[in-house]
N, C-alpha and C. Protein backbone atom coordinates (compact mmCIF):
# COMPACT_ATOMS: atom_id res chain seq x y z
N MET A 1 15.72 19.41 -6.18
CA MET A 1 14.86 20.43 -5.85
C MET A 1 14.42 21.37 -7.04
N SER A 2 13.17 21.97 -6.97
CA SER A 2 12.80 22.79 -7.96
C SER A 2 13.59 23.97 -7.93
N GLU A 3 13.40 24.96 -8.89
CA GLU A 3 14.10 26.08 -9.06
C GLU A 3 13.84 26.98 -7.90
N VAL A 4 14.77 27.70 -7.37
CA VAL A 4 14.75 28.56 -6.14
C VAL A 4 14.83 30.04 -6.67
N VAL A 5 13.88 30.77 -6.27
CA VAL A 5 13.76 32.11 -6.58
C VAL A 5 13.86 32.96 -5.14
N VAL A 6 14.88 33.73 -5.07
CA VAL A 6 15.15 34.67 -3.91
C VAL A 6 14.80 36.05 -4.31
N ARG A 7 13.82 36.69 -3.48
CA ARG A 7 13.19 38.01 -3.80
C ARG A 7 12.72 38.78 -2.69
N THR A 8 12.58 39.90 -2.73
CA THR A 8 11.94 40.72 -1.64
C THR A 8 10.59 40.16 -1.47
N ALA A 9 10.16 40.09 -0.24
CA ALA A 9 8.89 39.76 0.23
C ALA A 9 7.91 40.83 0.08
N THR A 10 6.67 40.36 -0.23
CA THR A 10 5.60 41.18 -0.48
C THR A 10 4.35 40.98 0.52
N ALA A 11 3.44 41.74 0.52
CA ALA A 11 2.29 41.47 1.55
C ALA A 11 1.67 40.27 1.07
N ALA A 12 1.56 39.82 -0.12
CA ALA A 12 0.95 38.59 -0.62
C ALA A 12 1.79 37.25 0.18
N ASP A 13 2.96 37.50 0.52
CA ASP A 13 3.82 36.47 1.23
C ASP A 13 3.29 36.21 2.80
N LEU A 14 2.75 37.18 3.27
CA LEU A 14 2.50 37.15 4.67
C LEU A 14 1.89 35.95 5.29
N PRO A 15 0.87 35.35 4.68
CA PRO A 15 0.32 34.11 5.22
C PRO A 15 1.21 33.01 5.16
N ARG A 16 1.93 32.80 4.08
CA ARG A 16 2.92 31.74 4.04
C ARG A 16 4.04 32.08 5.01
N MET A 17 4.50 33.18 5.09
CA MET A 17 5.49 33.46 6.18
C MET A 17 5.03 33.16 7.61
N SER A 18 3.80 33.55 7.94
CA SER A 18 3.36 33.30 9.28
C SER A 18 3.20 31.95 9.48
N ALA A 19 2.81 31.09 8.54
CA ALA A 19 2.74 29.52 8.64
C ALA A 19 4.09 28.89 9.04
N ILE A 20 5.11 29.36 8.41
CA ILE A 20 6.39 28.77 8.61
C ILE A 20 6.83 29.36 9.99
N TYR A 21 6.64 30.51 10.34
CA TYR A 21 6.92 31.07 11.77
C TYR A 21 6.13 30.21 12.69
N ASN A 22 4.83 29.94 12.68
CA ASN A 22 4.08 29.24 13.48
C ASN A 22 4.48 27.73 13.71
N GLN A 23 4.99 27.19 12.61
CA GLN A 23 5.52 26.11 12.71
C GLN A 23 6.78 26.07 13.66
N ALA A 24 7.65 27.07 13.50
CA ALA A 24 8.68 27.20 14.45
C ALA A 24 8.31 27.44 15.99
N ILE A 25 7.28 28.23 16.16
CA ILE A 25 6.84 28.40 17.51
C ILE A 25 6.37 27.00 17.99
N GLU A 26 5.60 26.18 17.36
CA GLU A 26 4.99 25.06 17.73
C GLU A 26 6.06 23.86 18.14
N ARG A 27 7.06 23.77 17.39
CA ARG A 27 7.99 22.78 17.37
C ARG A 27 9.56 22.92 17.60
N THR A 28 9.99 24.12 17.67
CA THR A 28 11.53 24.44 17.85
C THR A 28 11.57 25.63 18.99
N THR A 29 12.86 25.76 19.24
CA THR A 29 13.31 26.74 20.18
C THR A 29 13.90 27.83 19.27
N ALA A 30 13.78 27.86 17.91
CA ALA A 30 14.32 28.95 17.01
C ALA A 30 13.67 30.27 17.23
N THR A 31 12.45 30.25 18.00
CA THR A 31 11.86 31.64 18.54
C THR A 31 11.39 31.19 19.85
N PHE A 32 11.32 32.05 20.68
CA PHE A 32 10.74 32.06 22.08
C PHE A 32 9.40 32.45 22.00
N ASP A 33 8.65 32.74 21.02
CA ASP A 33 7.19 33.09 21.12
C ASP A 33 6.52 31.85 21.43
N VAL A 34 5.45 31.63 22.09
CA VAL A 34 4.86 30.46 22.45
C VAL A 34 3.38 30.40 21.93
N GLU A 35 2.86 31.39 21.43
CA GLU A 35 1.55 31.47 20.91
C GLU A 35 1.62 31.68 19.38
N PRO A 36 0.81 31.10 18.54
CA PRO A 36 0.81 31.23 16.89
C PRO A 36 0.52 32.80 16.91
N ARG A 37 1.13 33.10 15.80
CA ARG A 37 1.09 34.56 15.23
C ARG A 37 0.06 34.77 14.22
N PRO A 38 -0.66 35.95 13.89
CA PRO A 38 -1.57 36.19 12.90
C PRO A 38 -0.73 36.41 11.64
N ASP A 39 -1.51 36.28 10.39
CA ASP A 39 -0.86 36.48 9.12
C ASP A 39 -0.27 37.69 8.76
N ASP A 40 -0.61 38.86 9.68
CA ASP A 40 0.00 40.07 9.42
C ASP A 40 0.99 40.29 10.52
N ASN A 41 1.76 39.42 11.08
CA ASN A 41 2.76 39.47 11.95
C ASN A 41 3.84 40.23 11.44
N TYR A 42 4.31 40.04 10.20
CA TYR A 42 5.41 40.72 9.61
C TYR A 42 4.97 41.81 8.58
N ALA A 43 3.90 42.40 8.58
CA ALA A 43 3.35 43.36 7.80
C ALA A 43 4.28 44.52 7.99
N ALA A 44 4.62 45.12 9.10
CA ALA A 44 5.23 46.29 9.10
C ALA A 44 6.67 46.15 8.72
N ARG A 45 7.35 45.11 8.95
CA ARG A 45 8.54 44.66 8.37
C ARG A 45 8.50 44.65 6.95
N VAL A 46 7.82 44.10 6.22
CA VAL A 46 7.61 43.91 4.89
C VAL A 46 7.23 45.30 4.13
N ALA A 47 6.67 46.14 4.79
CA ALA A 47 6.31 47.29 4.27
C ALA A 47 7.34 48.40 4.58
N SER A 48 8.40 48.20 5.55
CA SER A 48 9.42 49.24 5.77
C SER A 48 10.27 49.44 4.64
N THR A 49 10.51 50.71 4.43
CA THR A 49 11.59 51.23 3.40
C THR A 49 12.81 51.83 4.17
N ARG A 50 12.86 51.66 5.37
CA ARG A 50 14.16 52.18 6.07
C ARG A 50 15.38 51.43 5.72
N PRO A 51 16.52 52.13 5.28
CA PRO A 51 17.61 51.39 5.04
C PRO A 51 18.05 50.34 6.12
N GLY A 52 18.51 49.15 5.82
CA GLY A 52 18.82 48.24 6.76
C GLY A 52 17.60 47.19 7.18
N ASP A 53 16.59 47.47 6.83
CA ASP A 53 15.36 46.74 7.02
C ASP A 53 15.00 45.97 5.71
N HIS A 54 15.20 44.71 5.78
CA HIS A 54 14.82 43.77 4.55
C HIS A 54 14.15 42.65 5.05
N VAL A 55 13.27 42.20 4.08
CA VAL A 55 12.61 40.79 4.24
C VAL A 55 12.76 40.10 2.90
N VAL A 56 13.38 39.10 2.99
CA VAL A 56 13.58 38.44 1.62
C VAL A 56 13.06 36.85 1.84
N VAL A 57 12.58 36.34 0.70
CA VAL A 57 11.89 35.00 0.63
C VAL A 57 12.56 34.17 -0.35
N ALA A 58 12.55 32.79 0.02
CA ALA A 58 13.03 31.96 -1.08
C ALA A 58 11.78 31.11 -1.42
N GLN A 59 11.44 31.16 -2.85
CA GLN A 59 10.33 30.46 -3.41
C GLN A 59 10.95 29.18 -4.05
N VAL A 60 10.21 28.02 -3.76
CA VAL A 60 10.44 26.68 -4.34
C VAL A 60 9.12 26.18 -5.13
N GLY A 61 9.32 25.97 -6.34
CA GLY A 61 8.08 25.51 -6.96
C GLY A 61 6.82 26.51 -6.86
N GLY A 62 7.20 27.75 -6.79
CA GLY A 62 6.30 28.67 -6.74
C GLY A 62 5.73 29.13 -5.28
N GLU A 63 6.11 28.38 -4.27
CA GLU A 63 5.64 28.50 -2.95
C GLU A 63 6.75 29.12 -2.01
N VAL A 64 6.57 29.95 -1.15
CA VAL A 64 7.50 30.51 -0.32
C VAL A 64 7.76 29.46 0.72
N ALA A 65 9.19 28.91 0.62
CA ALA A 65 9.55 27.80 1.55
C ALA A 65 10.56 28.38 2.80
N ALA A 66 10.92 29.62 2.73
CA ALA A 66 11.79 30.25 3.70
C ALA A 66 11.69 31.69 3.63
N TYR A 67 12.09 32.38 4.78
CA TYR A 67 12.29 33.79 4.76
C TYR A 67 13.51 34.17 5.72
N ALA A 68 13.95 35.43 5.46
CA ALA A 68 14.94 35.88 6.27
C ALA A 68 14.69 37.44 6.41
N PHE A 69 14.96 38.10 7.57
CA PHE A 69 14.81 39.57 7.59
C PHE A 69 15.73 40.05 8.52
N SER A 70 15.97 41.45 8.35
CA SER A 70 16.76 42.15 9.32
C SER A 70 15.96 43.15 9.87
N ASN A 71 16.10 43.60 10.98
CA ASN A 71 15.24 44.75 11.69
C ASN A 71 16.16 45.33 12.92
N THR A 72 15.51 46.40 13.33
CA THR A 72 16.08 47.27 14.41
C THR A 72 16.53 46.12 15.50
N TYR A 73 17.76 46.46 15.86
CA TYR A 73 18.28 45.82 17.05
C TYR A 73 17.80 46.04 18.44
N ARG A 74 17.85 47.28 18.66
CA ARG A 74 17.31 48.21 19.79
C ARG A 74 16.56 49.32 19.39
N PRO A 75 15.38 49.74 19.97
CA PRO A 75 14.69 51.03 19.43
C PRO A 75 15.36 52.18 20.13
N ARG A 76 16.71 52.50 20.03
CA ARG A 76 17.33 53.69 20.51
C ARG A 76 18.18 54.16 19.39
N PRO A 77 18.35 55.39 19.20
CA PRO A 77 19.10 56.05 18.00
C PRO A 77 20.63 55.54 17.81
N ALA A 78 21.24 55.20 19.01
CA ALA A 78 22.48 54.88 19.10
C ALA A 78 22.83 53.52 18.50
N TYR A 79 21.74 52.80 18.37
CA TYR A 79 21.80 51.33 17.58
C TYR A 79 21.37 51.44 16.11
N ASP A 80 21.31 52.51 15.54
CA ASP A 80 20.91 52.78 14.23
C ASP A 80 21.74 51.99 13.25
N GLY A 81 23.00 51.77 13.51
CA GLY A 81 24.04 51.08 12.58
C GLY A 81 24.10 49.57 12.70
N THR A 82 23.18 49.12 13.65
CA THR A 82 22.98 47.63 13.97
C THR A 82 21.77 47.20 13.51
N ARG A 83 21.84 45.85 12.93
CA ARG A 83 20.73 45.14 12.58
C ARG A 83 20.65 43.66 13.33
N GLU A 84 19.45 43.13 13.63
CA GLU A 84 19.40 41.90 14.00
C GLU A 84 18.75 40.97 12.83
N VAL A 85 19.27 39.78 12.54
CA VAL A 85 18.85 39.07 11.42
C VAL A 85 18.39 37.67 11.96
N SER A 86 17.34 36.98 11.14
CA SER A 86 16.78 35.80 11.57
C SER A 86 16.33 35.06 10.24
N VAL A 87 16.26 33.94 10.40
CA VAL A 87 15.95 33.04 9.06
C VAL A 87 15.04 31.97 9.63
N TYR A 88 13.90 31.81 8.94
CA TYR A 88 13.13 30.60 9.15
C TYR A 88 12.87 29.84 7.86
N VAL A 89 12.87 28.41 8.05
CA VAL A 89 12.86 27.58 6.84
C VAL A 89 11.71 26.51 7.11
N ASP A 90 10.88 26.47 6.26
CA ASP A 90 9.78 25.39 6.44
C ASP A 90 10.37 24.14 6.60
N GLU A 91 9.93 23.22 7.70
CA GLU A 91 10.48 22.04 8.07
C GLU A 91 10.50 21.01 6.79
N ASP A 92 9.86 21.09 5.86
CA ASP A 92 9.85 20.26 4.71
C ASP A 92 10.93 20.73 3.74
N HIS A 93 11.60 21.90 3.94
CA HIS A 93 12.60 22.28 3.11
C HIS A 93 14.10 22.71 3.75
N ARG A 94 14.20 22.05 4.89
CA ARG A 94 15.36 22.32 5.89
C ARG A 94 16.39 21.55 5.23
N GLY A 95 17.69 21.83 5.26
CA GLY A 95 18.77 21.15 4.93
C GLY A 95 19.12 21.11 3.51
N ARG A 96 18.64 22.07 2.78
CA ARG A 96 18.76 22.25 1.30
C ARG A 96 19.48 23.52 0.93
N GLY A 97 19.94 24.28 1.95
CA GLY A 97 20.71 25.41 1.68
C GLY A 97 19.85 26.65 1.39
N LEU A 98 18.52 26.63 1.75
CA LEU A 98 17.78 27.96 1.51
C LEU A 98 18.09 28.99 2.60
N GLY A 99 18.52 28.53 3.76
CA GLY A 99 19.02 29.59 4.79
C GLY A 99 20.09 30.17 4.49
N ARG A 100 21.00 29.65 3.69
CA ARG A 100 22.16 30.13 3.33
C ARG A 100 22.06 31.11 2.20
N LEU A 101 21.24 30.56 1.06
CA LEU A 101 20.76 31.55 0.00
C LEU A 101 20.24 32.88 0.53
N LEU A 102 19.31 32.73 1.52
CA LEU A 102 18.69 34.03 1.93
C LEU A 102 19.72 34.78 2.91
N TYR A 103 20.57 34.20 3.73
CA TYR A 103 21.47 35.07 4.39
C TYR A 103 22.39 35.72 3.56
N GLU A 104 22.81 35.00 2.49
CA GLU A 104 23.86 35.64 1.51
C GLU A 104 23.30 37.00 1.03
N GLU A 105 21.89 36.79 0.66
CA GLU A 105 21.36 37.99 -0.11
C GLU A 105 21.04 39.17 0.86
N LEU A 106 20.62 38.71 2.20
CA LEU A 106 20.30 39.69 3.20
C LEU A 106 21.66 40.47 3.57
N VAL A 107 22.81 39.61 3.86
CA VAL A 107 24.07 40.27 4.20
C VAL A 107 24.49 41.14 3.21
N ALA A 108 24.33 40.71 1.79
CA ALA A 108 24.68 41.72 0.76
C ALA A 108 24.02 43.05 0.85
N ARG A 109 22.71 42.81 1.08
CA ARG A 109 21.93 44.20 1.17
C ARG A 109 22.21 44.99 2.34
N LEU A 110 22.53 44.33 3.47
CA LEU A 110 22.96 45.09 4.64
C LEU A 110 24.37 45.79 4.49
N ASP A 111 25.35 45.01 3.82
CA ASP A 111 26.54 45.59 3.43
C ASP A 111 26.30 46.83 2.56
N ALA A 112 25.41 46.66 1.54
CA ALA A 112 25.15 47.68 0.51
C ALA A 112 24.62 48.98 1.25
N ASP A 113 23.88 48.86 2.35
CA ASP A 113 23.14 49.81 3.04
C ASP A 113 24.24 50.46 4.06
N GLY A 114 25.41 49.78 4.08
CA GLY A 114 26.33 50.44 5.06
C GLY A 114 26.03 50.12 6.62
N VAL A 115 25.28 48.99 6.81
CA VAL A 115 25.05 48.52 8.15
C VAL A 115 26.44 48.13 8.83
N HIS A 116 26.80 48.85 9.84
CA HIS A 116 27.86 48.52 10.68
C HIS A 116 28.02 47.09 11.28
N THR A 117 26.99 46.67 12.01
CA THR A 117 27.01 45.51 12.76
C THR A 117 25.70 44.75 12.48
N ILE A 118 25.93 43.36 12.55
CA ILE A 118 24.78 42.44 12.20
C ILE A 118 24.87 41.67 13.42
N VAL A 119 23.70 41.30 14.20
CA VAL A 119 23.78 40.47 15.29
C VAL A 119 22.80 39.25 14.86
N SER A 120 22.86 38.24 15.64
CA SER A 120 21.87 37.10 15.61
C SER A 120 22.11 36.53 16.90
N VAL A 121 20.81 36.10 17.34
CA VAL A 121 20.50 35.32 18.80
C VAL A 121 20.21 33.88 18.31
N ILE A 122 21.10 32.79 18.67
CA ILE A 122 20.74 31.44 18.38
C ILE A 122 20.54 30.52 19.61
N ALA A 123 19.11 29.96 19.79
CA ALA A 123 19.01 29.22 20.79
C ALA A 123 19.88 27.96 20.74
N GLN A 124 20.33 27.51 21.95
CA GLN A 124 21.25 26.45 21.84
C GLN A 124 20.40 25.07 22.30
N PRO A 125 21.00 23.96 21.89
CA PRO A 125 22.13 23.88 20.88
C PRO A 125 21.40 23.94 19.56
N ASN A 126 22.27 24.50 18.53
CA ASN A 126 21.90 24.57 17.19
C ASN A 126 23.23 24.56 16.20
N PRO A 127 23.84 23.60 16.12
CA PRO A 127 25.17 23.55 15.29
C PRO A 127 24.88 23.88 13.90
N ALA A 128 23.78 23.58 13.33
CA ALA A 128 23.64 23.92 11.95
C ALA A 128 23.51 25.44 11.72
N SER A 129 22.64 26.19 12.48
CA SER A 129 22.74 27.58 12.52
C SER A 129 23.98 28.23 12.83
N GLU A 130 24.71 27.71 13.80
CA GLU A 130 26.14 28.31 14.08
C GLU A 130 27.07 28.02 12.87
N ALA A 131 26.98 26.84 12.23
CA ALA A 131 27.73 26.73 11.12
C ALA A 131 27.36 27.68 9.94
N LEU A 132 26.05 27.96 9.81
CA LEU A 132 25.76 28.93 8.60
C LEU A 132 26.25 30.38 9.12
N HIS A 133 26.12 30.72 10.16
CA HIS A 133 26.48 32.08 10.54
C HIS A 133 28.13 32.12 10.47
N ARG A 134 28.88 31.09 11.10
CA ARG A 134 30.34 31.10 10.82
C ARG A 134 30.73 31.39 9.36
N ALA A 135 30.02 30.59 8.61
CA ALA A 135 30.25 30.47 7.11
C ALA A 135 30.09 31.95 6.41
N LEU A 136 29.27 32.79 7.02
CA LEU A 136 29.02 34.22 6.45
C LEU A 136 29.80 35.17 7.26
N GLY A 137 30.66 34.76 8.07
CA GLY A 137 31.58 35.87 8.67
C GLY A 137 31.19 36.20 10.12
N PHE A 138 30.14 35.61 10.60
CA PHE A 138 29.60 35.80 11.91
C PHE A 138 30.68 35.30 12.92
N GLU A 139 30.79 35.84 14.17
CA GLU A 139 31.53 35.30 15.24
C GLU A 139 30.73 35.14 16.47
N HIS A 140 31.03 34.06 17.18
CA HIS A 140 30.44 34.02 18.58
C HIS A 140 30.99 34.84 19.40
N VAL A 141 30.13 35.70 20.20
CA VAL A 141 30.71 36.64 20.99
C VAL A 141 30.22 36.50 22.51
N GLY A 142 29.27 35.62 22.67
CA GLY A 142 28.88 35.34 24.12
C GLY A 142 27.63 34.47 24.10
N THR A 143 27.30 33.86 25.31
CA THR A 143 26.28 32.89 25.48
C THR A 143 25.66 33.52 26.68
N LEU A 144 24.24 33.52 26.67
CA LEU A 144 23.48 33.77 27.83
C LEU A 144 22.85 32.58 28.30
N ALA A 145 22.91 32.22 29.65
CA ALA A 145 22.55 30.96 30.03
C ALA A 145 21.16 31.02 30.53
N GLU A 146 20.36 30.15 30.17
CA GLU A 146 18.94 29.82 30.67
C GLU A 146 17.94 31.12 30.62
N VAL A 147 18.09 31.85 29.49
CA VAL A 147 17.41 33.00 29.31
C VAL A 147 15.91 32.84 28.75
N GLY A 148 15.52 31.69 28.17
CA GLY A 148 14.29 31.27 27.82
C GLY A 148 13.82 29.90 28.30
N PHE A 149 12.57 29.96 28.55
CA PHE A 149 11.95 28.66 29.03
C PHE A 149 10.80 28.22 27.94
N LYS A 150 11.15 27.21 27.36
CA LYS A 150 10.11 26.61 26.30
C LYS A 150 10.31 25.14 26.49
N PHE A 151 9.12 24.52 26.07
CA PHE A 151 9.13 23.02 26.01
C PHE A 151 9.41 22.26 27.39
N GLY A 152 9.10 23.04 28.55
CA GLY A 152 9.58 22.47 29.87
C GLY A 152 11.15 22.50 30.21
N ARG A 153 11.71 23.35 29.60
CA ARG A 153 13.26 23.43 29.97
C ARG A 153 13.76 24.71 29.61
N TRP A 154 14.76 25.14 30.38
CA TRP A 154 15.47 26.42 30.01
C TRP A 154 16.46 26.35 28.91
N VAL A 155 16.59 27.28 28.23
CA VAL A 155 17.25 27.34 27.02
C VAL A 155 18.41 28.54 26.86
N ASP A 156 19.62 28.22 26.54
CA ASP A 156 20.49 29.29 26.42
C ASP A 156 20.43 29.79 25.05
N THR A 157 20.83 31.09 25.07
CA THR A 157 21.15 31.59 23.69
C THR A 157 22.61 32.07 23.38
N ALA A 158 23.20 31.86 22.29
CA ALA A 158 24.36 32.20 21.94
C ALA A 158 24.25 33.63 20.90
N LEU A 159 25.15 34.52 21.27
CA LEU A 159 25.00 35.77 20.48
C LEU A 159 26.28 35.63 19.32
N TRP A 160 25.72 36.01 18.16
CA TRP A 160 26.73 36.02 17.20
C TRP A 160 26.70 37.50 16.48
N GLN A 161 27.87 37.90 15.97
CA GLN A 161 27.94 39.15 15.33
C GLN A 161 28.87 39.15 14.26
N ARG A 162 28.31 40.02 13.24
CA ARG A 162 29.23 40.29 11.91
C ARG A 162 29.52 41.67 11.78
N MET A 163 30.57 42.23 11.69
CA MET A 163 30.97 43.65 11.47
C MET A 163 31.10 43.85 9.86
N HIS A 164 30.58 44.92 9.48
CA HIS A 164 30.83 45.24 7.83
C HIS A 164 32.39 45.19 7.60
N PRO A 165 32.77 44.42 6.59
CA PRO A 165 34.09 44.37 6.42
C PRO A 165 34.89 45.66 6.04
N ASP A 166 34.16 46.65 5.54
CA ASP A 166 34.85 47.93 5.07
C ASP A 166 34.78 48.85 6.19
N VAL A 167 33.91 48.82 7.23
CA VAL A 167 33.73 49.87 8.23
C VAL A 167 34.10 49.56 9.48
N ARG A 168 34.57 48.34 9.82
CA ARG A 168 34.70 47.90 11.28
C ARG A 168 35.76 49.06 11.91
N GLY A 169 35.27 49.46 12.98
CA GLY A 169 36.00 50.42 13.83
C GLY A 169 35.79 51.76 13.25
N GLY A 170 35.16 52.04 12.19
CA GLY A 170 35.07 53.37 11.43
C GLY A 170 34.20 54.29 12.12
N GLY A 171 33.84 55.33 11.19
CA GLY A 171 33.05 56.35 12.08
C GLY A 171 31.59 56.25 12.04
N ALA A 172 31.03 57.13 12.48
CA ALA A 172 29.46 56.99 12.71
C ALA A 172 28.67 56.77 11.44
N PRO A 173 27.38 56.11 11.65
CA PRO A 173 26.76 55.74 10.26
C PRO A 173 26.18 56.94 9.66
């Protein structure tokens, strides 16, 4: 594989990120979106300077091959110390460790920001994503049965959570 560069996403990355996301919409249950998204789908996330909000990309051979992001878990002040994370990898680059590289960077940034809790929702079945999350200190904390309907079938989601190692059970953010 060519050299991999992991970096903060910029507005110039938006079309490629959208292409990767639209691939996931059309071919996987990694997202429950069902309609393709425009190139500016992640513009607000890329522009955000709020602590705990990050978008990182992995470039391979000069092209964005994957990206990961953290964003608000729920839009209420009591959730400010919690972020939800996701990663999307172009189908031609899966199985090469890009998701892990991105998540390692993302988790390091979230830890540096003092984010208390990181959550992820994984459509089932997805043993590769579960293994990635487990390797990075996430724990399976529950499963919601048949909460999404895509490709003619009901899909379960598993909830995974990682607490900041230095602040678990600690004070307010």
